[in-house]
Every structure is written in C-alpha cells, then in structure tokens.
Protein backbone atom coordinates (compact mmCIF):
# COMPACT_ATOMS: atom_id res chain seq x y z
CA MET A 1 -0.05 0.08 -0.06
CA ILE A 2 2.81 2.43 0.72
CA ASN A 3 6.67 2.12 0.14
CA ASP A 4 9.41 2.47 2.41
CA PHE A 5 9.87 6.45 1.96
CA ALA A 6 6.27 6.80 2.88
CA ALA A 7 6.13 4.55 5.71
CA GLY A 8 9.61 6.34 7.23
CA LEU A 9 7.91 9.85 6.56
CA LEU A 10 4.62 8.72 8.52
CA SER A 11 6.57 7.29 11.23
CA PHE A 12 8.65 10.42 11.79
CA LEU A 13 5.30 12.36 11.87
CA ILE A 14 3.96 10.00 14.57
CA ASP A 15 7.35 10.39 16.52
CA GLY A 16 6.75 14.31 16.19
CA SER A 17 3.37 14.01 18.05
CA ARG A 18 1.47 15.17 15.05
CA THR A 19 -2.20 15.25 14.25
CA LEU A 20 -3.30 13.11 11.52
CA LEU A 21 -6.41 12.18 9.41
CA VAL A 22 -6.49 9.05 7.18
CA ALA A 23 -9.11 9.68 4.46
CA GLY A 24 -10.65 7.85 1.54
CA THR A 25 -13.65 6.38 0.14
CA ARG A 26 -15.38 3.09 1.33
CA SER A 27 -12.88 -0.14 1.38
CA SER A 28 -10.07 2.04 0.54
CA GLY A 29 -7.90 0.65 3.43
CA LYS A 30 -8.27 3.86 5.90
CA THR A 31 -8.76 1.82 9.08
CA SER A 32 -5.93 -0.95 7.89
CA LEU A 33 -3.37 1.78 7.44
CA LEU A 34 -4.52 3.63 10.74
CA GLY A 35 -4.09 0.35 12.50
CA SER A 36 -0.62 -0.16 10.92
CA LEU A 37 0.43 3.46 11.95
CA MET A 38 -0.27 2.72 15.61
CA LEU A 39 2.45 0.41 15.69
CA GLU A 40 4.82 3.49 15.23
CA ILE A 41 3.58 4.96 18.58
CA ILE A 42 6.07 4.49 21.37
CA PRO A 43 4.84 1.71 23.38
CA LYS A 44 5.36 3.97 26.79
CA PHE A 45 2.47 6.06 25.90
CA ARG A 46 -1.04 4.99 26.95
CA VAL A 47 -3.08 4.66 23.79
CA ILE A 48 -6.77 5.72 23.98
CA VAL A 49 -8.88 4.15 20.98
CA ILE A 50 -12.55 5.13 20.63
CA GLU A 51 -14.67 3.22 18.06
CA ASP A 52 -18.25 2.49 17.65
CA SER A 53 -17.52 -0.90 15.57
CA LEU A 54 -14.47 -2.78 16.68
CA GLU A 55 -12.01 -2.87 13.88
CA LEU A 56 -8.54 -1.72 14.82
CA PRO A 57 -6.10 -4.47 15.84
CA ILE A 58 -6.23 -3.92 19.86
CA ASP A 59 -5.65 -7.39 20.78
CA SER A 60 -2.52 -7.85 18.55
CA LEU A 61 -1.32 -4.41 20.05
CA ARG A 62 -1.63 -5.76 23.72
CA LYS A 63 0.46 -8.75 23.01
CA LEU A 64 3.19 -6.38 21.96
CA ASN A 65 2.79 -4.59 25.39
CA TYR A 66 1.25 -1.53 24.08
CA ASP A 67 -0.96 0.14 27.05
CA VAL A 68 -4.32 0.28 25.08
CA LEU A 69 -7.30 1.71 26.49
CA ARG A 70 -10.38 0.97 24.18
CA MET A 71 -13.87 2.71 24.46
CA LYS A 72 -16.59 1.05 22.58
CA VAL A 73 -18.99 4.22 21.92
CA ARG A 74 -22.48 4.56 20.39
CA SER A 75 -22.81 4.53 16.76
CA ALA A 76 -23.96 7.85 15.29
CA LEU A 77 -26.89 6.00 13.76
CA LEU A 78 -28.20 4.73 17.05
CA LYS A 79 -29.76 7.22 19.75
CA THR A 80 -30.86 4.63 22.39
CA THR A 81 -28.30 2.49 23.55
CA THR A 82 -26.52 2.30 27.00
CA GLU A 83 -22.90 3.05 25.46
CA VAL A 84 -21.48 6.41 25.65
CA SER A 85 -21.54 8.67 22.60
CA ALA A 86 -18.25 9.21 20.87
CA GLU A 87 -18.21 12.79 21.77
CA ASP A 88 -18.34 11.85 25.64
CA GLY A 89 -15.68 9.37 24.97
CA ILE A 90 -13.21 11.76 23.48
CA ARG A 91 -14.05 14.26 26.31
CA THR A 92 -13.51 11.53 28.98
CA SER A 93 -10.12 10.81 27.28
CA LEU A 94 -9.15 14.47 27.94
CA ARG A 95 -8.99 13.69 31.65
CA LEU A 96 -6.73 10.80 31.04
CA GLY A 97 -3.47 13.01 30.79
CA ASP A 98 -0.79 12.54 28.37
CA SER A 99 -2.11 9.98 25.87
CA CYS A 100 -2.40 9.23 22.25
CA LEU A 101 -5.87 9.26 20.78
CA ILE A 102 -7.03 7.07 18.03
CA ILE A 103 -10.59 7.41 16.68
CA GLY A 104 -12.03 4.64 14.47
CA GLU A 105 -13.86 7.27 12.36
CA VAL A 106 -14.81 10.80 12.62
CA ARG A 107 -18.20 10.75 11.43
CA SER A 108 -20.85 13.00 13.71
CA VAL A 109 -20.85 15.49 16.40
CA GLU A 110 -17.75 14.14 18.06
CA ALA A 111 -15.60 16.07 15.41
CA LYS A 112 -16.16 19.21 17.46
CA ALA A 113 -14.88 17.69 20.81
CA LEU A 114 -12.06 16.11 18.74
CA TYR A 115 -11.00 19.51 17.30
CA GLU A 116 -11.18 21.19 20.55
CA ALA A 117 -8.57 18.57 21.94
CA MET A 118 -6.39 19.00 18.88
CA ARG A 119 -6.56 22.72 19.00
CA ILE A 120 -5.85 23.21 22.67
CA GLY A 121 -3.18 20.45 22.55
CA ALA A 122 -4.85 18.70 25.39
CA LEU A 123 -3.38 15.37 24.92
CA ALA A 124 0.14 16.71 24.12
CA ASN A 125 0.62 13.51 21.62
CA VAL A 126 -0.42 11.82 18.66
CA VAL A 127 -4.18 12.28 17.43
CA ALA A 128 -5.17 10.09 14.54
CA GLY A 129 -8.24 8.92 13.01
CA THR A 130 -10.17 8.12 9.99
CA ILE A 131 -12.72 10.12 7.81
CA HIS A 132 -14.53 10.04 4.59
CA GLY A 133 -13.11 12.15 1.75
CA ALA A 134 -11.10 11.86 -1.57
CA SER A 135 -9.15 14.85 -1.27
CA PRO A 136 -7.64 17.02 1.25
CA TYR A 137 -10.21 19.63 0.41
CA GLY A 138 -12.72 17.12 0.70
CA VAL A 139 -11.64 16.48 4.18
CA PHE A 140 -11.98 19.96 4.83
CA ASP A 141 -15.28 20.36 3.22
CA ARG A 142 -16.53 17.39 5.24
CA VAL A 143 -15.20 18.45 8.75
CA VAL A 144 -16.44 22.01 7.98
CA ASN A 145 -19.42 22.14 5.93
CA ASP A 146 -20.92 18.66 7.21
CA LEU A 147 -19.73 18.16 10.86
CA GLY A 148 -19.92 21.92 11.70
CA VAL A 149 -16.26 22.44 13.09
CA PRO A 150 -15.13 26.07 12.50
CA ALA A 151 -12.75 26.64 9.76
CA THR A 152 -10.22 27.97 11.93
CA SER A 153 -10.16 24.92 13.96
CA PHE A 154 -9.38 22.69 11.18
CA LYS A 155 -6.09 24.29 11.05
CA ALA A 156 -5.33 22.00 13.91
CA THR A 157 -5.09 18.96 11.52
CA ASP A 158 -1.30 18.63 10.60
CA ILE A 159 -1.31 15.88 7.90
CA ILE A 160 -4.00 14.20 5.70
CA VAL A 161 -3.36 10.91 3.99
CA ILE A 162 -5.50 10.10 1.33
CA CYS A 163 -6.40 6.27 0.42
CA ASN A 164 -8.32 5.02 -2.55
CA PRO A 165 -8.54 1.93 -4.75
CA ILE A 166 -6.64 1.98 -8.03
CA LYS A 167 -8.34 -0.01 -10.98
CA SER A 168 -6.94 -1.69 -13.74
CA PRO A 169 -7.29 -0.69 -17.48
CA ASP A 170 -10.09 -3.30 -17.81
CA GLY A 171 -11.78 -2.40 -14.59
CA LEU A 172 -11.87 -6.17 -13.35
CA HIS A 173 -9.13 -5.79 -10.58
CA SER A 174 -8.51 -2.88 -8.06
CA TRP A 175 -5.55 -2.30 -5.53
CA ARG A 176 -5.55 -0.26 -2.33
CA ARG A 177 -3.23 2.67 -2.69
CA VAL A 178 -2.18 5.87 -0.66
CA LEU A 179 -2.39 8.66 -3.38
CA GLN A 180 -1.18 11.47 -1.44
CA ILE A 181 0.18 12.70 1.69
CA SER A 182 -0.49 16.54 2.08
CA GLU A 183 0.36 19.18 4.90
CA VAL A 184 -2.30 21.53 6.14
CA ARG A 185 -0.68 24.74 6.61
CA LYS A 186 -1.64 27.55 9.11
CA HIS A 187 -1.49 30.79 7.42
CA TRP A 188 -4.93 30.69 5.30
CA LYS A 189 -8.02 32.27 6.74
CA GLU A 190 -11.07 31.03 4.89
CA ASP A 191 -10.38 28.64 1.95
CA PRO A 192 -7.35 26.41 2.35
CA LEU A 193 -7.45 25.35 -1.53
CA ARG A 194 -7.70 28.91 -2.77
CA GLU A 195 -4.99 30.14 -0.10
CA LYS A 196 -2.56 27.35 -0.83
CA GLY A 197 -3.06 25.69 2.70
CA PHE A 198 -2.55 22.13 1.26
CA VAL A 199 1.05 21.14 0.60
CA ASP A 200 1.65 17.75 -1.06
CA LEU A 201 4.58 16.01 0.47
CA MET A 202 4.14 12.85 -1.57
CA LYS A 203 1.86 11.76 -4.51
CA TYR A 204 0.96 8.65 -6.31
CA ASN A 205 2.59 8.28 -9.78
CA VAL A 206 0.25 5.83 -11.62
CA GLU A 207 3.28 5.04 -14.30
CA THR A 208 5.61 3.63 -11.43
CA ASP A 209 3.02 2.62 -9.15
CA GLU A 210 4.70 4.40 -6.35
CA LEU A 211 4.23 7.18 -3.81
CA GLU A 212 6.88 9.64 -4.84
CA PRO A 213 8.12 12.73 -2.74
CA THR A 214 7.14 16.15 -4.41
CA GLU A 215 9.44 19.08 -5.10
CA ASP A 216 8.33 20.86 -1.88
CA LEU A 217 9.09 17.68 0.13
CA LYS A 218 12.89 17.38 -1.76
CA ASN A 219 13.26 21.22 -1.13
CA GLY A 220 12.73 21.11 2.57
CA ASP A 221 9.23 23.21 2.26
CA SER A 222 7.41 21.52 5.10
CA GLU A 223 6.65 23.65 8.11
CA ILE A 224 5.70 20.58 10.04
CA ILE A 225 8.86 18.65 9.38
CA LYS A 226 10.81 21.94 10.24
CA ASP A 227 9.01 22.00 13.38
CA ILE A 228 9.61 18.34 14.44
CA ALA A 229 13.45 18.91 13.50
CA ALA A 230 13.70 21.93 15.49
CA ASN A 231 12.20 20.23 18.74
CA VAL A 232 14.73 17.40 18.05
CA LYS A 233 17.84 19.62 17.93
CA VAL A 234 16.47 21.45 21.11
CA LYS A 235 16.31 17.78 22.74
CA LEU A 236 19.86 16.91 21.45
CA GLY A 237 21.14 20.08 22.76
CA ILE A 238 19.82 19.74 26.14
CA MET A 239 21.06 16.39 26.58
CA SER A 240 24.67 17.45 25.24
CA GLY A 241 24.52 20.04 27.86
CA LEU A 242 23.65 17.63 30.54
CA LYS A 243 26.46 15.34 29.59
CA SER A 244 28.97 18.25 29.94
CA LEU A 245 28.07 18.94 33.48
C-alpha cells in the first residue's frame, strides 16, 4: 500500500506527535493503514482508542505490550443504547493525561470535541483517525460544512493521508493505494484550497505505481517537518549540555 519512504515519513510524523487524518472512500484501506500506524507509537505512551465498530487490532497491540484503553461508543446511527457517545468518549479521554488518541472514524458531532482537543493540545501527543474524503479539500469540506467544525479549528489538522482503490485498465481488478500525503498549512484564513493551505509531500505516480516525494518535500518546504526537526535539535542540545556537566 505504501513504500519504505512513505512509511518512514509517516513514522517520523507520529514520533513528532502530529495530528493526522487518514481519508478515503469506502473499502479504501483507511482503517488498515491507521492500525498499522499505531505500531509506530512508542509503547510507553497510553493509547486511547474510540470506536463504534471494533476494527482496529487492539488485541495484537496488547500482545506487544502496548497500553491500550479501548472505548466502545454508540454508533452515530443509534440514539437509544446504553453506550456512551463518541463525543463523551473523547471528552473523557482528555482527563486521562498524556495519551495518544485514536478515533476509529470521525463521522458526527464528536468532530467538534476532537478538534477542541487537537486545537488546545490537550493530549500533547499523537491524535489520529479516519474520515471519508477523496482529497484534502474534500476532508476540509466534510469537517467544516458537514460536521460543523469552525474553519479556523481545522488548522489543528497537521497531515492528511488520502487512500483510494486504483483500478486496472480493464476495470476487473483494483488495488488499495495511498494517493497522497499532504500537510495543512496554518496561514490561510477562509479557504485552504484557494489560499494554498495544502502542500503535498508525497503523491502517487500511476506509471511507477509508487508514492513519490514532491518537489516541496525534496526542497525542505515543510513547516511541520521543520518544526519537528527543531524540537529534536533542542532536545539533543539539552542532552549534550547535561552530559557536559
């Protein structure tokens, strides 16, 4: 589904505690990719998983000594069950301290609670989930216009990964592929598409059947990567200073 370069980039972003949405159409591999990315979380962190249908590989992660707390929440389609809502589940997770938050799928009113957590940095760690959308702007449209999250709050999203099936020329076969990894810039005010708020870091090349780094990534034009790298340099500087004492 992805190559080594893309896997390394996503691992780096997770190590840097970024917020990430995996988007795509139905049966595009969103949940499978999210489950794989959870393995890149450092096991010392508690991982809070909120799902209405149990699809993520929690048992496998626990066997690898991950500290995973799963919350089974009420489906957005059901109103009269004893399960808590996804929104309440997210708000509960905010009281559990320095944890990673994984949302099985962002699909309803819980989006506002999620973006509140992302915007104020309440979890101080990785926040990731899946959502329906065929492009970065499609994700923006879904979050803002369908789910009612303020446009300015959408800036709390750092990375959008787009997954979709690729069909063979005869239409008889299809393969799951990641089509792009895009960064969400923070300078735009109203429309991230018109104001160049999306920067593609990697894009799928149909001729080579590979995700390839864009010129923006090659030229180091990624604000998020620069920010992560700066924090790494600061930490290394502190460690060097301590060793010299």
